[in-house]
């Protein structure tokens, strides 16, 4: 059976010209926008399967208190996918058929942990945040595509600790984030976008790299093919039965040349990079290629 083609990958452009603002940047979304599905689905799902089967300790963790919430995540996806994407997912009672991968799952007994299976159905990573009287705690995750952080360093810790290395988080975001988590309502979905420039297109990147000096190997003439814009589409929603917050992360990686092909976008990105506070530039490991990327972006903006 020939399936309809998948939609093209969405290009998210979260950067803005002008002074940098450290803010949550939440935007309300329809509840069924929990999942993005695009033409990167098959290769990304194949990589997710490989990681879950061969590097499981690095990409999966679930504390006992998150078991019920994990089952709720799977139930939510099993309800959503066949309704929103009927060309590619079919549901018959407890049986869920994924026409894109040729897999059929018995939801009553899938043979996998429910959060594991949730990570084999969608392109998103899934994190479960337990709402405690003090602060949300990272209690479980299917995290195949981390942006330079290690799951086992963070599991079981409050969000303030999880985000500890992020400059300005404690001062600017910790309280608003905790306050939002405590007030999130059932049936609501919000989205935020996070971005950075990286020199590696790999989706699985658990190792943080710090650079303090420019790397002469990057030049304005070669940086277009060696630097990438990495964007995380992050979603937050409440799982009402378990009272956990579901944090979804869909990672997109675009060649810098794709973004800079439009002069207006090249100029906007150059301004956003220049306006990043010094501590954020170091956190994002920009030093090695910052100057080369800015020279290239300025040239494209003037084209």
Protein backbone atom coordinates (compact mmCIF):
# COMPACT_ATOMS: atom_id res chain seq x y z
CA UNK A 1 0.00 0.00 0.00
CA UNK A 2 1.36 3.40 -1.00
CA UNK A 3 1.19 5.91 1.83
CA UNK A 4 0.69 9.66 1.37
CA UNK A 5 3.96 11.58 1.63
CA UNK A 6 4.87 13.05 4.96
CA UNK A 7 4.86 16.85 5.27
CA UNK A 8 8.13 18.75 4.95
CA UNK A 9 10.01 19.55 8.12
CA UNK A 10 8.85 22.79 9.72
CA UNK A 11 11.52 25.48 9.90
CA UNK A 12 11.26 27.17 13.29
CA UNK A 13 12.94 30.58 13.54
CA UNK A 14 12.89 31.59 17.21
CA UNK A 15 15.74 34.11 17.13
CA UNK A 16 15.06 37.85 17.06
CA UNK A 17 17.15 40.90 16.27
CA UNK A 18 17.81 43.37 19.05
CA UNK A 19 18.52 43.07 22.78
CA UNK A 20 18.38 39.59 24.25
CA UNK A 21 15.47 38.79 26.57
CA UNK A 22 15.66 35.84 28.97
CA UNK A 23 12.01 34.78 29.08
CA UNK A 24 9.87 31.65 28.99
CA UNK A 25 8.27 32.72 25.70
CA UNK A 26 5.25 30.44 26.04
CA UNK A 27 2.68 30.36 23.21
CA UNK A 28 -0.66 28.56 23.52
CA UNK A 29 -1.20 25.71 21.06
CA UNK A 30 -4.13 23.40 20.26
CA UNK A 31 -3.91 20.26 22.42
CA UNK A 32 -3.45 18.02 19.35
CA UNK A 33 -0.28 19.96 18.45
CA UNK A 34 1.55 17.84 21.04
CA UNK A 35 3.25 15.95 18.20
CA UNK A 36 4.99 17.16 15.05
CA UNK A 37 5.21 14.63 12.20
CA UNK A 38 7.33 15.26 9.12
CA UNK A 39 9.61 13.77 6.48
CA UNK A 40 12.35 13.17 9.06
CA UNK A 41 10.16 10.62 10.82
CA UNK A 42 11.59 7.36 9.48
CA UNK A 43 15.31 8.11 9.99
CA UNK A 44 14.69 9.69 13.38
CA UNK A 45 12.58 6.76 14.58
CA UNK A 46 15.24 4.33 13.40
CA UNK A 47 17.84 6.22 15.43
CA UNK A 48 15.56 6.29 18.45
CA UNK A 49 15.07 2.51 18.27
CA UNK A 50 18.83 1.97 18.00
CA UNK A 51 19.55 4.16 21.03
CA UNK A 52 16.83 2.57 23.15
CA UNK A 53 18.10 -0.90 22.33
CA UNK A 54 21.85 -0.32 22.45
CA UNK A 55 22.43 2.70 24.74
CA UNK A 56 19.36 2.46 26.94
CA UNK A 57 21.06 3.59 30.15
CA UNK A 58 21.97 6.87 28.47
CA UNK A 59 18.53 7.69 27.05
CA UNK A 60 15.89 6.18 29.36
CA UNK A 61 15.08 6.51 33.04
CA UNK A 62 11.92 6.17 35.10
CA UNK A 63 11.60 6.51 38.87
CA UNK A 64 8.93 4.30 40.49
CA UNK A 65 6.69 7.27 41.23
CA UNK A 66 6.44 8.04 37.50
CA UNK A 67 5.09 4.64 36.39
CA UNK A 68 1.43 5.73 36.27
CA UNK A 69 2.33 8.95 34.46
CA UNK A 70 4.30 6.93 31.88
CA UNK A 71 1.22 4.84 31.13
CA UNK A 72 -0.79 8.05 30.80
CA UNK A 73 1.66 9.39 28.20
CA UNK A 74 1.30 6.26 26.10
CA UNK A 75 -2.50 6.34 26.37
CA UNK A 76 -2.52 9.96 25.27
CA UNK A 77 -0.39 9.25 22.20
CA UNK A 78 -2.38 6.14 21.31
CA UNK A 79 -5.55 8.25 21.33
CA UNK A 80 -4.03 11.21 19.49
CA UNK A 81 -1.98 9.69 16.66
CA UNK A 82 -4.75 7.79 14.79
CA UNK A 83 -7.08 10.79 15.01
CA UNK A 84 -4.63 13.49 13.97
CA UNK A 85 -2.67 11.35 11.48
CA UNK A 86 -5.12 8.72 10.16
CA UNK A 87 -3.07 8.18 6.99
CA UNK A 88 -0.18 6.77 9.01
CA UNK A 89 -1.67 5.36 12.25
CA UNK A 90 -4.63 3.01 12.72
CA UNK A 91 -6.18 1.96 16.03
CA UNK A 92 -8.45 -1.01 16.62
CA UNK A 93 -9.19 -1.39 20.30
CA UNK A 94 -5.93 -2.20 22.06
CA UNK A 95 -4.01 -2.59 18.79
CA UNK A 96 -2.13 0.40 17.37
CA UNK A 97 -0.69 0.09 13.88
CA UNK A 98 2.13 2.35 12.71
CA UNK A 99 2.02 2.22 8.91
CA UNK A 100 5.23 4.25 8.62
CA UNK A 101 7.34 1.63 10.38
CA UNK A 102 5.21 -1.47 9.76
CA UNK A 103 4.90 -2.11 13.50
CA UNK A 104 1.74 -3.10 15.35
CA UNK A 105 1.59 -2.73 19.12
CA UNK A 106 -0.73 -4.41 21.59
CA UNK A 107 -1.35 -1.56 24.00
CA UNK A 108 -2.59 -3.96 26.68
CA UNK A 109 0.77 -5.73 26.68
CA UNK A 110 3.29 -4.01 24.39
CA UNK A 111 6.27 -5.84 25.85
CA UNK A 112 7.92 -2.47 26.54
CA UNK A 113 7.78 0.11 29.27
CA UNK A 114 5.01 2.55 28.25
CA UNK A 115 7.40 5.54 28.18
CA UNK A 116 9.80 3.50 26.05
CA UNK A 117 7.05 2.81 23.53
CA UNK A 118 5.99 6.48 23.61
CA UNK A 119 9.49 7.30 22.36
CA UNK A 120 9.14 4.81 19.49
CA UNK A 121 5.91 6.36 18.18
CA UNK A 122 6.80 10.03 17.84
CA UNK A 123 9.81 12.18 17.01
CA UNK A 124 9.63 13.93 20.37
CA UNK A 125 11.58 13.19 23.50
CA UNK A 126 9.33 12.92 26.55
CA UNK A 127 10.19 14.09 30.07
CA UNK A 128 7.92 13.69 33.09
CA UNK A 129 7.97 16.36 35.78
CA UNK A 130 6.52 15.47 39.16
CA UNK A 131 4.76 18.38 40.84
CA UNK A 132 5.86 18.54 44.47
CA UNK A 133 4.98 21.21 47.07
CA UNK A 134 8.45 22.73 46.66
CA UNK A 135 9.40 22.49 42.97
CA UNK A 136 8.91 20.20 39.94
CA UNK A 137 11.23 17.17 39.82
CA UNK A 138 12.45 15.31 36.74
CA UNK A 139 11.05 11.84 37.49
CA UNK A 140 11.30 10.07 34.09
CA UNK A 141 12.46 10.65 30.53
CA UNK A 142 12.80 9.05 27.15
CA UNK A 143 15.60 11.37 26.00
CA UNK A 144 17.21 10.14 22.80
CA UNK A 145 18.23 13.55 21.45
CA UNK A 146 19.68 15.57 24.35
CA UNK A 147 21.21 18.94 23.60
CA UNK A 148 24.48 18.42 25.44
CA UNK A 149 23.22 17.19 28.81
CA UNK A 150 23.19 13.75 30.40
CA UNK A 151 19.95 12.27 31.65
CA UNK A 152 21.55 10.39 34.54
CA UNK A 153 23.05 13.62 35.87
CA UNK A 154 19.56 15.13 36.12
CA UNK A 155 17.06 12.36 36.93
CA UNK A 156 15.43 12.77 40.34
CA UNK A 157 16.53 16.39 40.70
CA UNK A 158 14.43 19.58 40.89
CA UNK A 159 14.21 21.77 37.80
CA UNK A 160 16.47 24.37 39.39
CA UNK A 161 19.21 21.73 39.60
CA UNK A 162 18.45 20.36 36.13
CA UNK A 163 18.95 23.88 34.73
CA UNK A 164 21.79 24.72 37.10
CA UNK A 165 24.43 25.14 34.36
CA UNK A 166 22.21 27.49 32.31
CA UNK A 167 23.37 31.08 32.82
CA UNK A 168 20.71 33.48 34.15
CA UNK A 169 18.17 30.67 34.69
CA UNK A 170 18.22 30.97 38.48
CA UNK A 171 17.89 34.76 38.35
CA UNK A 172 15.41 35.12 35.50
CA UNK A 173 13.45 31.92 34.95
CA UNK A 174 13.44 29.62 37.97
CA UNK A 175 10.54 31.27 39.77
CA UNK A 176 8.37 31.90 36.66
CA UNK A 177 8.88 28.29 35.55
CA UNK A 178 7.97 26.83 38.94
CA UNK A 179 4.97 29.16 39.16
CA UNK A 180 3.76 28.16 35.70
CA UNK A 181 4.11 24.46 36.48
CA UNK A 182 2.01 24.84 39.61
CA UNK A 183 -0.76 26.57 37.64
CA UNK A 184 -0.88 24.55 34.40
CA UNK A 185 -4.44 23.51 33.53
CA UNK A 186 -5.77 20.24 32.08
CA UNK A 187 -6.50 20.32 28.37
CA UNK A 188 -4.02 23.12 27.68
CA UNK A 189 -0.79 22.95 25.68
CA UNK A 190 1.92 25.59 25.47
CA UNK A 191 5.02 25.75 23.31
CA UNK A 192 8.37 27.48 23.54
CA UNK A 193 11.39 27.42 21.25
CA UNK A 194 15.05 27.22 22.23
CA UNK A 195 17.94 27.66 19.77
CA UNK A 196 21.69 27.56 19.38
CA UNK A 197 24.42 27.30 16.74
CA UNK A 198 26.38 24.05 16.79
CA UNK A 199 29.18 22.44 14.77
CA UNK A 200 27.72 18.92 14.82
CA UNK A 201 24.41 17.92 13.17
CA UNK A 202 23.99 14.77 15.30
CA UNK A 203 20.70 14.55 17.19
CA UNK A 204 22.15 12.53 20.08
CA UNK A 205 24.53 14.96 21.81
CA UNK A 206 24.93 14.27 25.54
CA UNK A 207 28.42 15.80 25.88
CA UNK A 208 28.82 19.52 26.57
CA UNK A 209 31.74 21.23 24.87
CA UNK A 210 33.22 24.48 26.07
CA UNK A 211 35.42 26.70 23.91
CA UNK A 212 37.04 29.96 24.92
CA UNK A 213 39.02 30.71 21.76
CA UNK A 214 38.30 30.98 18.05
CA UNK A 215 39.13 27.92 15.94
CA UNK A 216 41.03 28.91 12.79
CA UNK A 217 39.52 25.90 10.98
CA UNK A 218 36.25 27.84 10.72
CA UNK A 219 36.24 30.62 8.13
CA UNK A 220 33.54 32.80 6.56
CA UNK A 221 33.95 30.74 3.39
CA UNK A 222 33.41 27.28 4.90
CA UNK A 223 31.19 27.91 7.92
CA UNK A 224 27.95 27.61 5.92
CA UNK A 225 28.52 23.88 5.52
CA UNK A 226 29.96 23.26 8.98
CA UNK A 227 27.60 25.08 11.35
CA UNK A 228 23.96 24.26 12.07
CA UNK A 229 21.01 25.92 13.74
CA UNK A 230 19.63 23.55 16.37
CA UNK A 231 16.12 24.34 17.56
CA UNK A 232 14.13 22.61 20.29
CA UNK A 233 10.36 22.85 20.06
CA UNK A 234 9.35 22.33 23.66
CA UNK A 235 5.78 21.66 24.81
CA UNK A 236 4.28 21.59 28.29
CA UNK A 237 0.95 20.06 29.28
CA UNK A 238 -0.63 18.46 32.31
CA UNK A 239 -1.38 14.76 32.64
CA UNK A 240 -4.59 15.09 34.68
CA UNK A 241 -4.83 11.57 36.11
CA UNK A 242 -1.30 11.49 37.53
CA UNK A 243 -0.85 15.26 37.97
CA UNK A 244 2.53 15.16 36.24
CA UNK A 245 3.63 17.72 33.66
CA UNK A 246 4.58 16.24 30.28
CA UNK A 247 7.52 18.07 28.74
CA UNK A 248 7.96 17.25 25.06
CA UNK A 249 11.11 18.15 23.12
CA UNK A 250 11.31 17.94 19.33
CA UNK A 251 14.78 18.69 17.99
CA UNK A 252 15.28 20.25 14.56
CA UNK A 253 18.69 20.72 12.94
CA UNK A 254 19.09 23.00 9.91
CA UNK A 255 22.28 23.80 7.95
CA UNK A 256 23.28 27.40 8.48
CA UNK A 257 23.24 27.87 4.71
CA UNK A 258 19.52 27.05 4.66
CA UNK A 259 18.72 29.81 7.13
CA UNK A 260 21.13 32.37 5.67
CA UNK A 261 19.79 31.92 2.13
CA UNK A 262 17.25 34.63 3.03
CA UNK A 263 19.10 37.94 3.65
CA UNK A 264 16.55 39.13 6.22
CA UNK A 265 16.99 35.94 8.26
CA UNK A 266 20.78 36.13 8.00
CA UNK A 267 20.71 39.64 9.42
CA UNK A 268 18.25 38.69 12.15
CA UNK A 269 20.35 35.72 13.25
CA UNK A 270 23.57 37.78 13.23
CA UNK A 271 21.94 40.37 15.47
CA UNK A 272 20.61 37.69 17.84
CA UNK A 273 24.08 36.11 18.16
CA UNK A 274 25.74 39.47 18.82
CA UNK A 275 23.20 40.36 21.51
CA UNK A 276 23.61 37.14 23.50
CA UNK A 277 25.15 37.88 26.91
CA UNK A 278 28.75 36.74 27.21
CA UNK A 279 27.90 33.98 29.69
CA UNK A 280 25.26 32.57 27.32
CA UNK A 281 27.69 32.68 24.41
CA UNK A 282 30.12 30.61 26.45
CA UNK A 283 27.37 28.20 27.57
CA UNK A 284 26.36 27.72 23.93
CA UNK A 285 30.06 27.10 23.03
CA UNK A 286 30.08 29.73 20.29
CA UNK A 287 33.65 30.95 20.62
CA UNK A 288 35.15 28.49 18.17
CA UNK A 289 33.12 29.68 15.19
CA UNK A 290 31.29 32.83 16.30
CA UNK A 291 33.37 35.32 14.33
CA UNK A 292 33.39 33.20 11.17
CA UNK A 293 29.63 32.67 11.39
CA UNK A 294 28.95 36.37 11.93
CA UNK A 295 31.13 37.36 8.97
CA UNK A 296 29.27 34.88 6.79
CA UNK A 297 25.85 35.99 8.04
CA UNK A 298 26.74 39.68 7.51
CA UNK A 299 27.79 38.88 3.95
CA UNK A 300 24.54 37.03 3.29
CA UNK A 301 22.49 39.82 4.86
CA UNK A 302 24.05 42.33 2.48
CA UNK A 303 23.50 40.18 -0.61
